[in-house]
Amino acid sequence: MTKVIGYNFKILSAELKTITDPMATTSTLNMIVKNTGVAQLGKTVLIPKKTFKDGMEKNFSFTYTVPAGEPILAAQSGVSVVLSLYESEEAFKSGKNPTVRFDNDGILENKKLQLKP
């Protein structure tokens, strides 16, 4: 999303599923995001301009697999899952705080959204 004004994202639901088999453990974060349209301004997902209009909902899924025997960080106590959005990939790569805001409780000081279990 590059310089888009008018988006206001709200996480409607988020669920972390972990499946373990003899070869690996796979964790998948599934979430539903809604653009409420009230402007308040890992893995990169590109949302092209004009494709996430006011009132729309989109499903997103992020999957991470670790080989058997390696620690599963998402399942350890004291670990939290956070979400962030940037207007450009350059802002993300340069380590800046997120530039797009969520309309949810749980926003951290670094502007990332902490997902609740």
PDB file of N, CA and C in Angstrom:
ATOM      1  N   MET A   1       0.861  -1.164   0.000  1.00  0.00           N
ATOM      2  CA  MET A   1       0.000   0.000   0.000  1.00  0.00           C
ATOM      3  C   MET A   1       0.899   1.215   0.000  1.00  0.00           C
ATOM      4  N   THR A   2       0.797   1.994  -0.994  1.00  0.00           N
ATOM      5  CA  THR A   2       1.644   3.157  -1.108  1.00  0.00           C
ATOM      6  C   THR A   2       0.812   4.418  -1.017  1.00  0.00           C
ATOM      7  N   LYS A   3       1.043   5.210   0.044  1.00  0.00           N
ATOM      8  CA  LYS A   3       0.412   6.509   0.220  1.00  0.00           C
ATOM      9  C   LYS A   3      -1.088   6.471   0.025  1.00  0.00           C
ATOM     10  N   VAL A   4      -1.742   5.538   0.708  1.00  0.00           N
ATOM     11  CA  VAL A   4      -3.191   5.422   0.621  1.00  0.00           C
ATOM     12  C   VAL A   4      -3.794   6.087   1.841  1.00  0.00           C
ATOM     13  N   ILE A   5      -4.690   7.013   1.643  1.00  0.00           N
ATOM     14  CA  ILE A   5      -5.369   7.679   2.756  1.00  0.00           C
ATOM     15  C   ILE A   5      -6.826   7.251   2.708  1.00  0.00           C
ATOM     16  N   GLY A   6      -7.403   6.983   3.861  1.00  0.00           N
ATOM     17  CA  GLY A   6      -8.796   6.571   3.912  1.00  0.00           C
ATOM     18  C   GLY A   6      -8.960   5.155   4.405  1.00  0.00           C
ATOM     19  N   TYR A   7      -7.878   4.396   4.465  1.00  0.00           N
ATOM     20  CA  TYR A   7      -7.965   3.062   5.030  1.00  0.00           C
ATOM     21  C   TYR A   7      -7.902   3.144   6.544  1.00  0.00           C
ATOM     22  N   ASN A   8      -8.679   2.339   7.212  1.00  0.00           N
ATOM     23  CA  ASN A   8      -8.604   2.190   8.659  1.00  0.00           C
ATOM     24  C   ASN A   8      -8.885   0.735   8.942  1.00  0.00           C
ATOM     25  N   PHE A   9      -7.850  -0.023   9.246  1.00  0.00           N
ATOM     26  CA  PHE A   9      -7.980  -1.464   9.351  1.00  0.00           C
ATOM     27  C   PHE A   9      -8.352  -1.892  10.765  1.00  0.00           C
ATOM     28  N   LYS A  10      -9.278  -2.825  10.868  1.00  0.00           N
ATOM     29  CA  LYS A  10      -9.677  -3.403  12.140  1.00  0.00           C
ATOM     30  C   LYS A  10      -9.592  -4.912  12.000  1.00  0.00           C
ATOM     31  N   ILE A  11      -8.900  -5.558  12.942  1.00  0.00           N
ATOM     32  CA  ILE A  11      -8.813  -7.015  12.950  1.00  0.00           C
ATOM     33  C   ILE A  11     -10.104  -7.538  13.559  1.00  0.00           C
ATOM     34  N   LEU A  12     -10.887  -8.279  12.774  1.00  0.00           N
ATOM     35  CA  LEU A  12     -12.143  -8.837  13.267  1.00  0.00           C
ATOM     36  C   LEU A  12     -11.916 -10.133  14.020  1.00  0.00           C
ATOM     37  N   SER A  13     -10.955 -10.937  13.557  1.00  0.00           N
ATOM     38  CA  SER A  13     -10.615 -12.165  14.265  1.00  0.00           C
ATOM     39  C   SER A  13      -9.197 -12.564  13.886  1.00  0.00           C
ATOM     40  N   ALA A  14      -8.523 -13.224  14.826  1.00  0.00           N
ATOM     41  CA  ALA A  14      -7.182 -13.744  14.575  1.00  0.00           C
ATOM     42  C   ALA A  14      -7.040 -15.047  15.344  1.00  0.00           C
ATOM     43  N   GLU A  15      -6.515 -16.073  14.662  1.00  0.00           N
ATOM     44  CA  GLU A  15      -6.377 -17.379  15.278  1.00  0.00           C
ATOM     45  C   GLU A  15      -5.040 -17.978  14.855  1.00  0.00           C
ATOM     46  N   LEU A  16      -4.273 -18.448  15.837  1.00  0.00           N
ATOM     47  CA  LEU A  16      -3.007 -19.111  15.567  1.00  0.00           C
ATOM     48  C   LEU A  16      -3.211 -20.613  15.712  1.00  0.00           C
ATOM     49  N   LYS A  17      -3.014 -21.352  14.616  1.00  0.00           N
ATOM     50  CA  LYS A  17      -3.148 -22.809  14.630  1.00  0.00           C
ATOM     51  C   LYS A  17      -1.767 -23.427  14.477  1.00  0.00           C
ATOM     52  N   THR A  18      -1.472 -24.428  15.308  1.00  0.00           N
ATOM     53  CA  THR A  18      -0.191 -25.122  15.246  1.00  0.00           C
ATOM     54  C   THR A  18      -0.443 -26.606  15.023  1.00  0.00           C
ATOM     55  N   ILE A  19       0.205 -27.156  13.999  1.00  0.00           N
ATOM     56  CA  ILE A  19       0.083 -28.576  13.671  1.00  0.00           C
ATOM     57  C   ILE A  19       1.483 -29.173  13.720  1.00  0.00           C
ATOM     58  N   THR A  20       1.634 -30.245  14.498  1.00  0.00           N
ATOM     59  CA  THR A  20       2.928 -30.909  14.641  1.00  0.00           C
ATOM     60  C   THR A  20       2.829 -32.318  14.076  1.00  0.00           C
ATOM     61  N   ASP A  21       3.798 -32.670  13.234  1.00  0.00           N
ATOM     62  CA  ASP A  21       3.905 -34.041  12.747  1.00  0.00           C
ATOM     63  C   ASP A  21       5.354 -34.484  12.970  1.00  0.00           C
ATOM     64  N   PRO A  22       5.712 -35.718  12.647  1.00  0.00           N
ATOM     65  CA  PRO A  22       7.076 -36.184  12.930  1.00  0.00           C
ATOM     66  C   PRO A  22       8.184 -35.382  12.232  1.00  0.00           C
ATOM     67  N   MET A  23       7.877 -34.699  11.132  1.00  0.00           N
ATOM     68  CA  MET A  23       8.898 -33.994  10.366  1.00  0.00           C
ATOM     69  C   MET A  23       9.018 -32.514  10.713  1.00  0.00           C
ATOM     70  N   ALA A  24       7.911 -31.885  11.104  1.00  0.00           N
ATOM     71  CA  ALA A  24       7.948 -30.436  11.303  1.00  0.00           C
ATOM     72  C   ALA A  24       6.739 -29.965  12.090  1.00  0.00           C
ATOM     73  N   THR A  25       6.830 -28.733  12.532  1.00  0.00           N
ATOM     74  CA  THR A  25       5.698 -28.068  13.166  1.00  0.00           C
ATOM     75  C   THR A  25       5.366 -26.848  12.328  1.00  0.00           C
ATOM     76  N   THR A  26       4.100 -26.695  11.994  1.00  0.00           N
ATOM     77  CA  THR A  26       3.650 -25.584  11.168  1.00  0.00           C
ATOM     78  C   THR A  26       2.669 -24.738  11.957  1.00  0.00           C
ATOM     79  N   SER A  27       2.963 -23.453  12.036  1.00  0.00           N
ATOM     80  CA  SER A  27       2.057 -22.513  12.689  1.00  0.00           C
ATOM     81  C   SER A  27       1.468 -21.609  11.619  1.00  0.00           C
ATOM     82  N   THR A  28       0.154 -21.426  11.664  1.00  0.00           N
ATOM     83  CA  THR A  28      -0.527 -20.578  10.698  1.00  0.00           C
ATOM     84  C   THR A  28      -1.351 -19.548  11.441  1.00  0.00           C
ATOM     85  N   LEU A  29      -1.146 -18.276  11.108  1.00  0.00           N
ATOM     86  CA  LEU A  29      -1.937 -17.187  11.661  1.00  0.00           C
ATOM     87  C   LEU A  29      -2.996 -16.826  10.630  1.00  0.00           C
ATOM     88  N   ASN A  30      -4.254 -17.056  10.962  1.00  0.00           N
ATOM     89  CA  ASN A  30      -5.370 -16.707  10.087  1.00  0.00           C
ATOM     90  C   ASN A  30      -6.080 -15.504  10.689  1.00  0.00           C
ATOM     91  N   MET A  31      -6.396 -14.520   9.863  1.00  0.00           N
ATOM     92  CA  MET A  31      -7.111 -13.363  10.386  1.00  0.00           C
ATOM     93  C   MET A  31      -8.034 -12.781   9.340  1.00  0.00           C
ATOM     94  N   ILE A  32      -9.045 -12.100   9.851  1.00  0.00           N
ATOM     95  CA  ILE A  32      -9.964 -11.369   8.989  1.00  0.00           C
ATOM     96  C   ILE A  32      -9.782  -9.898   9.319  1.00  0.00           C
ATOM     97  N   VAL A  33      -9.499  -9.093   8.290  1.00  0.00           N
ATOM     98  CA  VAL A  33      -9.270  -7.664   8.439  1.00  0.00           C
ATOM     99  C   VAL A  33     -10.378  -6.926   7.712  1.00  0.00           C
ATOM    100  N   LYS A  34     -10.927  -5.888   8.348  1.00  0.00           N
ATOM    101  CA  LYS A  34     -11.959  -5.069   7.719  1.00  0.00           C
ATOM    102  C   LYS A  34     -11.443  -3.650   7.583  1.00  0.00           C
ATOM    103  N   ASN A  35     -11.688  -3.046   6.434  1.00  0.00           N
ATOM    104  CA  ASN A  35     -11.389  -1.639   6.218  1.00  0.00           C
ATOM    105  C   ASN A  35     -12.641  -0.862   6.602  1.00  0.00           C
ATOM    106  N   THR A  36     -12.607  -0.206   7.767  1.00  0.00           N
ATOM    107  CA  THR A  36     -13.789   0.530   8.217  1.00  0.00           C
ATOM    108  C   THR A  36     -13.956   1.839   7.473  1.00  0.00           C
ATOM    109  N   GLY A  37     -12.900   2.277   6.792  1.00  0.00           N
ATOM    110  CA  GLY A  37     -13.007   3.454   5.946  1.00  0.00           C
ATOM    111  C   GLY A  37     -12.924   4.779   6.669  1.00  0.00           C
ATOM    112  N   VAL A  38     -12.640   4.753   7.963  1.00  0.00           N
ATOM    113  CA  VAL A  38     -12.499   5.995   8.704  1.00  0.00           C
ATOM    114  C   VAL A  38     -11.009   6.284   8.807  1.00  0.00           C
ATOM    115  N   ALA A  39     -10.544   7.259   8.060  1.00  0.00           N
ATOM    116  CA  ALA A  39      -9.100   7.501   7.977  1.00  0.00           C
ATOM    117  C   ALA A  39      -8.546   7.998   9.295  1.00  0.00           C
ATOM    118  N   GLN A  40      -7.591   7.274   9.858  1.00  0.00           N
ATOM    119  CA  GLN A  40      -6.841   7.685  11.046  1.00  0.00           C
ATOM    120  C   GLN A  40      -5.361   7.422  10.809  1.00  0.00           C
ATOM    121  N   LEU A  41      -5.329   7.284   9.856  1.00  0.00           N
ATOM    122  CA  LEU A  41      -3.949   6.952   9.521  1.00  0.00           C
ATOM    123  C   LEU A  41      -3.101   6.203  10.607  1.00  0.00           C
ATOM    124  N   GLY A  42       8.582 -10.987   9.227  1.00  0.00           N
ATOM    125  CA  GLY A  42       8.217 -11.839   8.500  1.00  0.00           C
ATOM    126  C   GLY A  42       8.158 -11.889   7.057  1.00  0.00           C
ATOM    127  N   LYS A  43       6.764 -11.354   6.600  1.00  0.00           N
ATOM    128  CA  LYS A  43       6.312 -11.603   5.236  1.00  0.00           C
ATOM    129  C   LYS A  43       5.553 -10.373   4.799  1.00  0.00           C
ATOM    130  N   THR A  44       5.823  -9.908   3.600  1.00  0.00           N
ATOM    131  CA  THR A  44       5.180  -8.711   3.087  1.00  0.00           C
ATOM    132  C   THR A  44       4.004  -9.105   2.206  1.00  0.00           C
ATOM    133  N   VAL A  45       2.856  -8.481   2.439  1.00  0.00           N
ATOM    134  CA  VAL A  45       1.673  -8.694   1.612  1.00  0.00           C
ATOM    135  C   VAL A  45       1.356  -7.375   0.942  1.00  0.00           C
ATOM    136  N   LEU A  46       1.307  -7.352  -0.372  1.00  0.00           N
ATOM    137  CA  LEU A  46       0.991  -6.135  -1.106  1.00  0.00           C
ATOM    138  C   LEU A  46      -0.515  -6.030  -1.304  1.00  0.00           C
ATOM    139  N   ILE A  47      -1.085  -4.912  -0.879  1.00  0.00           N
ATOM    140  CA  ILE A  47      -2.498  -4.623  -1.130  1.00  0.00           C
ATOM    141  C   ILE A  47      -2.515  -3.454  -2.106  1.00  0.00           C
ATOM    142  N   PRO A  48      -2.726  -3.718  -3.385  1.00  0.00           N
ATOM    143  CA  PRO A  48      -2.680  -2.639  -4.375  1.00  0.00           C
ATOM    144  C   PRO A  48      -3.728  -1.563  -4.093  1.00  0.00           C
ATOM    145  N   LYS A  49      -3.414  -0.350  -4.520  1.00  0.00           N
ATOM    146  CA  LYS A  49      -4.338   0.764  -4.346  1.00  0.00           C
ATOM    147  C   LYS A  49      -5.707   0.423  -4.915  1.00  0.00           C
ATOM    148  N   LYS A  50      -6.728   0.907  -4.235  1.00  0.00           N
ATOM    149  CA  LYS A  50      -8.128   0.807  -4.659  1.00  0.00           C
ATOM    150  C   LYS A  50      -8.666  -0.618  -4.672  1.00  0.00           C
ATOM    151  N   THR A  51      -7.994  -1.556  -3.974  1.00  0.00           N
ATOM    152  CA  THR A  51      -8.495  -2.932  -3.955  1.00  0.00           C
ATOM    153  C   THR A  51      -9.078  -3.325  -2.609  1.00  0.00           C
ATOM    154  N   PHE A  52      -9.026  -2.428  -1.626  1.00  0.00           N
ATOM    155  CA  PHE A  52      -9.544  -2.737  -0.289  1.00  0.00           C
ATOM    156  C   PHE A  52     -10.405  -1.550   0.124  1.00  0.00           C
ATOM    157  N   LYS A  53     -11.593  -1.498  -0.435  1.00  0.00           N
ATOM    158  CA  LYS A  53     -12.461  -0.325  -0.278  1.00  0.00           C
ATOM    159  C   LYS A  53     -13.192  -0.325   1.056  1.00  0.00           C
ATOM    160  N   ASP A  54     -13.753   0.822   1.410  1.00  0.00           N
ATOM    161  CA  ASP A  54     -14.486   0.989   2.661  1.00  0.00           C
ATOM    162  C   ASP A  54     -15.518  -0.116   2.825  1.00  0.00           C
ATOM    163  N   GLY A  55     -15.564  -0.704   4.013  1.00  0.00           N
ATOM    164  CA  GLY A  55     -16.547  -1.736   4.318  1.00  0.00           C
ATOM    165  C   GLY A  55     -16.157  -3.136   3.897  1.00  0.00           C
ATOM    166  N   MET A  56     -15.092  -3.276   3.129  1.00  0.00           N
ATOM    167  CA  MET A  56     -14.668  -4.606   2.670  1.00  0.00           C
ATOM    168  C   MET A  56     -13.952  -5.361   3.772  1.00  0.00           C
ATOM    169  N   GLU A  57     -13.996  -6.695   3.694  1.00  0.00           N
ATOM    170  CA  GLU A  57     -13.245  -7.579   4.583  1.00  0.00           C
ATOM    171  C   GLU A  57     -12.359  -8.472   3.722  1.00  0.00           C
ATOM    172  N   LYS A  58     -11.159  -8.768   4.209  1.00  0.00           N
ATOM    173  CA  LYS A  58     -10.245  -9.675   3.509  1.00  0.00           C
ATOM    174  C   LYS A  58      -9.690 -10.676   4.507  1.00  0.00           C
ATOM    175  N   ASN A  59      -9.498 -11.905   4.048  1.00  0.00           N
ATOM    176  CA  ASN A  59      -8.878 -12.953   4.852  1.00  0.00           C
ATOM    177  C   ASN A  59      -7.396 -13.018   4.509  1.00  0.00           C
ATOM    178  N   PHE A  60      -6.557 -13.108   5.534  1.00  0.00           N
ATOM    179  CA  PHE A  60      -5.124 -13.253   5.348  1.00  0.00           C
ATOM    180  C   PHE A  60      -4.658 -14.468   6.138  1.00  0.00           C
ATOM    181  N   SER A  61      -3.651 -15.157   5.607  1.00  0.00           N
ATOM    182  CA  SER A  61      -3.114 -16.331   6.275  1.00  0.00           C
ATOM    183  C   SER A  61      -1.598 -16.307   6.125  1.00  0.00           C
ATOM    184  N   PHE A  62      -0.876 -16.449   7.243  1.00  0.00           N
ATOM    185  CA  PHE A  62       0.575 -16.466   7.260  1.00  0.00           C
ATOM    186  C   PHE A  62       1.018 -17.786   7.875  1.00  0.00           C
ATOM    187  N   THR A  63       1.857 -18.521   7.169  1.00  0.00           N
ATOM    188  CA  THR A  63       2.284 -19.837   7.626  1.00  0.00           C
ATOM    189  C   THR A  63       3.794 -19.871   7.822  1.00  0.00           C
ATOM    190  N   TYR A  64       4.214 -20.522   8.912  1.00  0.00           N
ATOM    191  CA  TYR A  64       5.633 -20.665   9.227  1.00  0.00           C
ATOM    192  C   TYR A  64       5.869 -22.094   9.685  1.00  0.00           C
ATOM    193  N   THR A  65       6.852 -22.776   9.093  1.00  0.00           N
ATOM    194  CA  THR A  65       7.147 -24.163   9.421  1.00  0.00           C
ATOM    195  C   THR A  65       8.573 -24.273   9.970  1.00  0.00           C
ATOM    196  N   VAL A  66       8.708 -25.039  11.053  1.00  0.00           N
ATOM    197  CA  VAL A  66      10.046 -25.329  11.605  1.00  0.00           C
ATOM    198  C   VAL A  66      10.239 -26.838  11.607  1.00  0.00           C
ATOM    199  N   PRO A  67      11.464 -27.301  11.357  1.00  0.00           N
ATOM    200  CA  PRO A  67      11.734 -28.734  11.372  1.00  0.00           C
ATOM    201  C   PRO A  67      11.498 -29.326  12.754  1.00  0.00           C
ATOM    202  N   ALA A  68      11.192 -30.616  12.779  1.00  0.00           N
ATOM    203  CA  ALA A  68      10.970 -31.324  14.049  1.00  0.00           C
ATOM    204  C   ALA A  68      12.177 -31.147  14.950  1.00  0.00           C
ATOM    205  N   GLY A  69      11.914 -30.923  16.237  1.00  0.00           N
ATOM    206  CA  GLY A  69      12.978 -30.776  17.212  1.00  0.00           C
ATOM    207  C   GLY A  69      13.434 -29.349  17.443  1.00  0.00           C
ATOM    208  N   GLU A  70      13.095 -28.430  16.551  1.00  0.00           N
ATOM    209  CA  GLU A  70      13.466 -27.024  16.746  1.00  0.00           C
ATOM    210  C   GLU A  70      12.389 -26.321  17.567  1.00  0.00           C
ATOM    211  N   PRO A  71      12.763 -25.277  18.314  1.00  0.00           N
ATOM    212  CA  PRO A  71      11.771 -24.594  19.165  1.00  0.00           C
ATOM    213  C   PRO A  71      10.682 -23.905  18.349  1.00  0.00           C
ATOM    214  N   ILE A  72       9.473 -23.972  18.861  1.00  0.00           N
ATOM    215  CA  ILE A  72       8.321 -23.330  18.229  1.00  0.00           C
ATOM    216  C   ILE A  72       8.095 -22.017  18.979  1.00  0.00           C
ATOM    217  N   LEU A  73       8.651 -20.937  18.469  1.00  0.00           N
ATOM    218  CA  LEU A  73       8.632 -19.665  19.181  1.00  0.00           C
ATOM    219  C   LEU A  73       7.224 -19.165  19.453  1.00  0.00           C
ATOM    220  N   ALA A  74       6.314 -19.318  18.519  1.00  0.00           N
ATOM    221  CA  ALA A  74       4.957 -18.784  18.686  1.00  0.00           C
ATOM    222  C   ALA A  74       4.205 -19.472  19.807  1.00  0.00           C
ATOM    223  N   ALA A  75       4.636 -20.667  20.200  1.00  0.00           N
ATOM    224  CA  ALA A  75       3.922 -21.421  21.224  1.00  0.00           C
ATOM    225  C   ALA A  75       4.540 -21.279  22.614  1.00  0.00           C
ATOM    226  N   GLN A  76       5.659 -20.562  22.729  1.00  0.00           N
ATOM    227  CA  GLN A  76       6.319 -20.424  24.022  1.00  0.00           C
ATOM    228  C   GLN A  76       5.605 -19.394  24.887  1.00  0.00           C
ATOM    229  N   SER A  77       5.621 -19.629  26.208  1.00  0.00           N
ATOM    230  CA  SER A  77       4.968 -18.682  27.106  1.00  0.00           C
ATOM    231  C   SER A  77       5.727 -17.360  27.096  1.00  0.00           C
ATOM    232  N   GLY A  78       4.986 -16.278  27.221  1.00  0.00           N
ATOM    233  CA  GLY A  78       5.584 -14.956  27.228  1.00  0.00           C
ATOM    234  C   GLY A  78       5.826 -14.374  25.853  1.00  0.00           C
ATOM    235  N   VAL A  79       5.574 -15.150  24.799  1.00  0.00           N
ATOM    236  CA  VAL A  79       5.750 -14.662  23.429  1.00  0.00           C
ATOM    237  C   VAL A  79       4.422 -14.131  22.932  1.00  0.00           C
ATOM    238  N   SER A  80       4.446 -12.957  22.326  1.00  0.00           N
ATOM    239  CA  SER A  80       3.212 -12.412  21.767  1.00  0.00           C
ATOM    240  C   SER A  80       3.354 -12.256  20.258  1.00  0.00           C
ATOM    241  N   VAL A  81       2.246 -12.322  19.575  1.00  0.00           N
ATOM    242  CA  VAL A  81       2.212 -12.152  18.127  1.00  0.00           C
ATOM    243  C   VAL A  81       1.736 -10.736  17.852  1.00  0.00           C
ATOM    244  N   VAL A  82       2.488 -10.005  17.025  1.00  0.00           N
ATOM    245  CA  VAL A  82       2.117  -8.626  16.696  1.00  0.00           C
ATOM    246  C   VAL A  82       1.990  -8.492  15.192  1.00  0.00           C
ATOM    247  N   LEU A  83       1.247  -7.487  14.791  1.00  0.00           N
ATOM    248  CA  LEU A  83       0.977  -7.241  13.381  1.00  0.00           C
ATOM    249  C   LEU A  83       1.273  -5.793  13.079  1.00  0.00           C
ATOM    250  N   SER A  84       1.840  -5.527  11.904  1.00  0.00           N
ATOM    251  CA  SER A  84       2.106  -4.147  11.521  1.00  0.00           C
ATOM    252  C   SER A  84       1.923  -3.988  10.020  1.00  0.00           C
ATOM    253  N   LEU A  85       1.566  -2.780   9.611  1.00  0.00           N
ATOM    254  CA  LEU A  85       1.381  -2.438   8.198  1.00  0.00           C
ATOM    255  C   LEU A  85       2.210  -1.205   7.873  1.00  0.00           C
ATOM    256  N   TYR A  86       2.762  -1.197   6.674  1.00  0.00           N
ATOM    257  CA  TYR A  86       3.600  -0.095   6.218  1.00  0.00           C
ATOM    258  C   TYR A  86       3.082   0.416   4.889  1.00  0.00           C
ATOM    259  N   GLU A  87       3.242   1.709   4.663  1.00  0.00           N
ATOM    260  CA  GLU A  87       2.843   2.290   3.378  1.00  0.00           C
ATOM    261  C   GLU A  87       3.794   1.897   2.258  1.00  0.00           C
ATOM    262  N   SER A  88       5.023   1.538   2.614  1.00  0.00           N
ATOM    263  CA  SER A  88       5.989   1.134   1.593  1.00  0.00           C
ATOM    264  C   SER A  88       6.907   0.057   2.145  1.00  0.00           C
ATOM    265  N   GLU A  89       7.435  -0.741   1.251  1.00  0.00           N
ATOM    266  CA  GLU A  89       8.366  -1.785   1.661  1.00  0.00           C
ATOM    267  C   GLU A  89       9.666  -1.172   2.188  1.00  0.00           C
ATOM    268  N   GLU A  90      10.037   0.007   1.668  1.00  0.00           N
ATOM    269  CA  GLU A  90      11.249   0.676   2.119  1.00  0.00           C
ATOM    270  C   GLU A  90      11.161   1.048   3.595  1.00  0.00           C
ATOM    271  N   ALA A  91       9.990   1.510   4.044  1.00  0.00           N
ATOM    272  CA  ALA A  91       9.808   1.864   5.461  1.00  0.00           C
ATOM    273  C   ALA A  91       9.995   0.631   6.339  1.00  0.00           C
ATOM    274  N   PHE A  92       9.468  -0.500   5.890  1.00  0.00           N
ATOM    275  CA  PHE A  92       9.622  -1.754   6.632  1.00  0.00           C
ATOM    276  C   PHE A  92      11.091  -2.180   6.685  1.00  0.00           C
ATOM    277  N   LYS A  93      11.740  -2.188   5.533  1.00  0.00           N
ATOM    278  CA  LYS A  93      13.126  -2.649   5.456  1.00  0.00           C
ATOM    279  C   LYS A  93      14.078  -1.754   6.232  1.00  0.00           C
ATOM    280  N   SER A  94      13.758  -0.470   6.346  1.00  0.00           N
ATOM    281  CA  SER A  94      14.649   0.450   7.062  1.00  0.00           C
ATOM    282  C   SER A  94      14.407   0.438   8.566  1.00  0.00           C
ATOM    283  N   GLY A  95      13.461  -0.397   9.026  1.00  0.00           N
ATOM    284  CA  GLY A  95      13.236  -0.554  10.459  1.00  0.00           C
ATOM    285  C   GLY A  95      12.377   0.523  11.101  1.00  0.00           C
ATOM    286  N   LYS A  96      11.653   1.279  10.308  1.00  0.00           N
ATOM    287  CA  LYS A  96      10.794   2.323  10.864  1.00  0.00           C
ATOM    288  C   LYS A  96       9.584   1.699  11.558  1.00  0.00           C
ATOM    289  N   ASN A  97       8.978   2.453  12.455  1.00  0.00           N
ATOM    290  CA  ASN A  97       7.729   2.003  13.058  1.00  0.00           C
ATOM    291  C   ASN A  97       6.654   1.942  11.978  1.00  0.00           C
ATOM    292  N   PRO A  98       5.632   1.104  12.156  1.00  0.00           N
ATOM    293  CA  PRO A  98       4.566   1.007  11.156  1.00  0.00           C
ATOM    294  C   PRO A  98       3.948   2.373  10.851  1.00  0.00           C
ATOM    295  N   THR A  99       3.559   2.557   9.602  1.00  0.00           N
ATOM    296  CA  THR A  99       3.003   3.833   9.164  1.00  0.00           C
ATOM    297  C   THR A  99       1.500   3.782   8.953  1.00  0.00           C
ATOM    298  N   VAL A 100       0.909   2.593   9.034  1.00  0.00           N
ATOM    299  CA  VAL A 100      -0.540   2.440   8.892  1.00  0.00           C
ATOM    300  C   VAL A 100      -1.081   1.965  10.232  1.00  0.00           C
ATOM    301  N   ARG A 101      -2.155   2.570  10.687  1.00  0.00           N
ATOM    302  CA  ARG A 101      -2.680   2.282  12.017  1.00  0.00           C
ATOM    303  C   ARG A 101      -3.877   1.338  11.958  1.00  0.00           C
ATOM    304  N   PHE A 102      -4.052   0.569  13.037  1.00  0.00           N
ATOM    305  CA  PHE A 102      -5.214  -0.292  13.209  1.00  0.00           C
ATOM    306  C   PHE A 102      -6.204   0.385  14.140  1.00  0.00           C
ATOM    307  N   ASP A 103      -7.474   0.052  14.000  1.00  0.00           N
ATOM    308  CA  ASP A 103      -8.526   0.580  14.864  1.00  0.00           C
ATOM    309  C   ASP A 103      -8.897  -0.495  15.880  1.00  0.00           C
ATOM    310  N   ASN A 104      -7.934  -0.935  16.671  1.00  0.00           N
ATOM    311  CA  ASN A 104      -8.126  -1.974  17.681  1.00  0.00           C
ATOM    312  C   ASN A 104      -7.460  -1.545  18.975  1.00  0.00           C
ATOM    313  N   ASP A 105      -7.901  -2.127  20.079  1.00  0.00           N
ATOM    314  CA  ASP A 105      -7.171  -1.986  21.333  1.00  0.00           C
ATOM    315  C   ASP A 105      -5.931  -2.859  21.248  1.00  0.00           C
ATOM    316  N   GLY A 106      -4.905  -2.518  22.002  1.00  0.00           N
ATOM    317  CA  GLY A 106      -3.699  -3.342  22.032  1.00  0.00           C
ATOM    318  C   GLY A 106      -2.566  -2.802  21.191  1.00  0.00           C
ATOM    319  N   ILE A 107      -2.628  -1.522  20.796  1.00  0.00           N
ATOM    320  CA  ILE A 107      -1.546  -0.925  20.021  1.00  0.00           C
ATOM    321  C   ILE A 107      -0.365  -0.668  20.963  1.00  0.00           C
ATOM    322  N   LEU A 108       0.814  -1.137  20.590  1.00  0.00           N
ATOM    323  CA  LEU A 108       2.012  -0.963  21.390  1.00  0.00           C
ATOM    324  C   LEU A 108       2.653   0.396  21.105  1.00  0.00           C
ATOM    325  N   GLU A 109       3.634   0.778  21.923  1.00  0.00           N
ATOM    326  CA  GLU A 109       4.303   2.065  21.732  1.00  0.00           C
ATOM    327  C   GLU A 109       4.971   2.181  20.371  1.00  0.00           C
ATOM    328  N   ASN A 110       5.410   1.053  19.801  1.00  0.00           N
ATOM    329  CA  ASN A 110       6.056   1.073  18.488  1.00  0.00           C
ATOM    330  C   ASN A 110       5.033   1.001  17.354  1.00  0.00           C
ATOM    331  N   LYS A 111       3.763   1.201  17.665  1.00  0.00           N
ATOM    332  CA  LYS A 111       2.650   1.255  16.694  1.00  0.00           C
ATOM    333  C   LYS A 111       2.248  -0.096  16.122  1.00  0.00           C
ATOM    334  N   LYS A 112       2.784  -1.200  16.664  1.00  0.00           N
ATOM    335  CA  LYS A 112       2.374  -2.531  16.219  1.00  0.00           C
ATOM    336  C   LYS A 112       1.162  -2.970  17.036  1.00  0.00           C
ATOM    337  N   LEU A 113       0.326  -3.803  16.429  1.00  0.00           N
ATOM    338  CA  LEU A 113      -0.871  -4.316  17.092  1.00  0.00           C
ATOM    339  C   LEU A 113      -0.546  -5.660  17.728  1.00  0.00           C
ATOM    340  N   GLN A 114      -0.712  -5.747  19.048  1.00  0.00           N
ATOM    341  CA  GLN A 114      -0.495  -7.013  19.750  1.00  0.00           C
ATOM    342  C   GLN A 114      -1.777  -7.826  19.676  1.00  0.00           C
ATOM    343  N   LEU A 115      -1.691  -9.012  19.079  1.00  0.00           N
ATOM    344  CA  LEU A 115      -2.868  -9.880  18.935  1.00  0.00           C
ATOM    345  C   LEU A 115      -3.069 -10.643  20.230  1.00  0.00           C
ATOM    346  N   LYS A 116      -4.290 -10.664  20.696  1.00  0.00           N
ATOM    347  CA  LYS A 116      -4.621 -11.348  21.941  1.00  0.00           C
ATOM    348  C   LYS A 116      -4.924 -12.809  21.659  1.00  0.00           C
ATOM    349  N   PRO A 117      -4.607 -13.725  22.621  1.00  0.00           N
ATOM    350  CA  PRO A 117      -4.908 -15.146  22.400  1.00  0.00           C
ATOM    351  C   PRO A 117      -6.406 -15.403  22.407  1.00  0.00           C
TER     352      PRO A 117
END
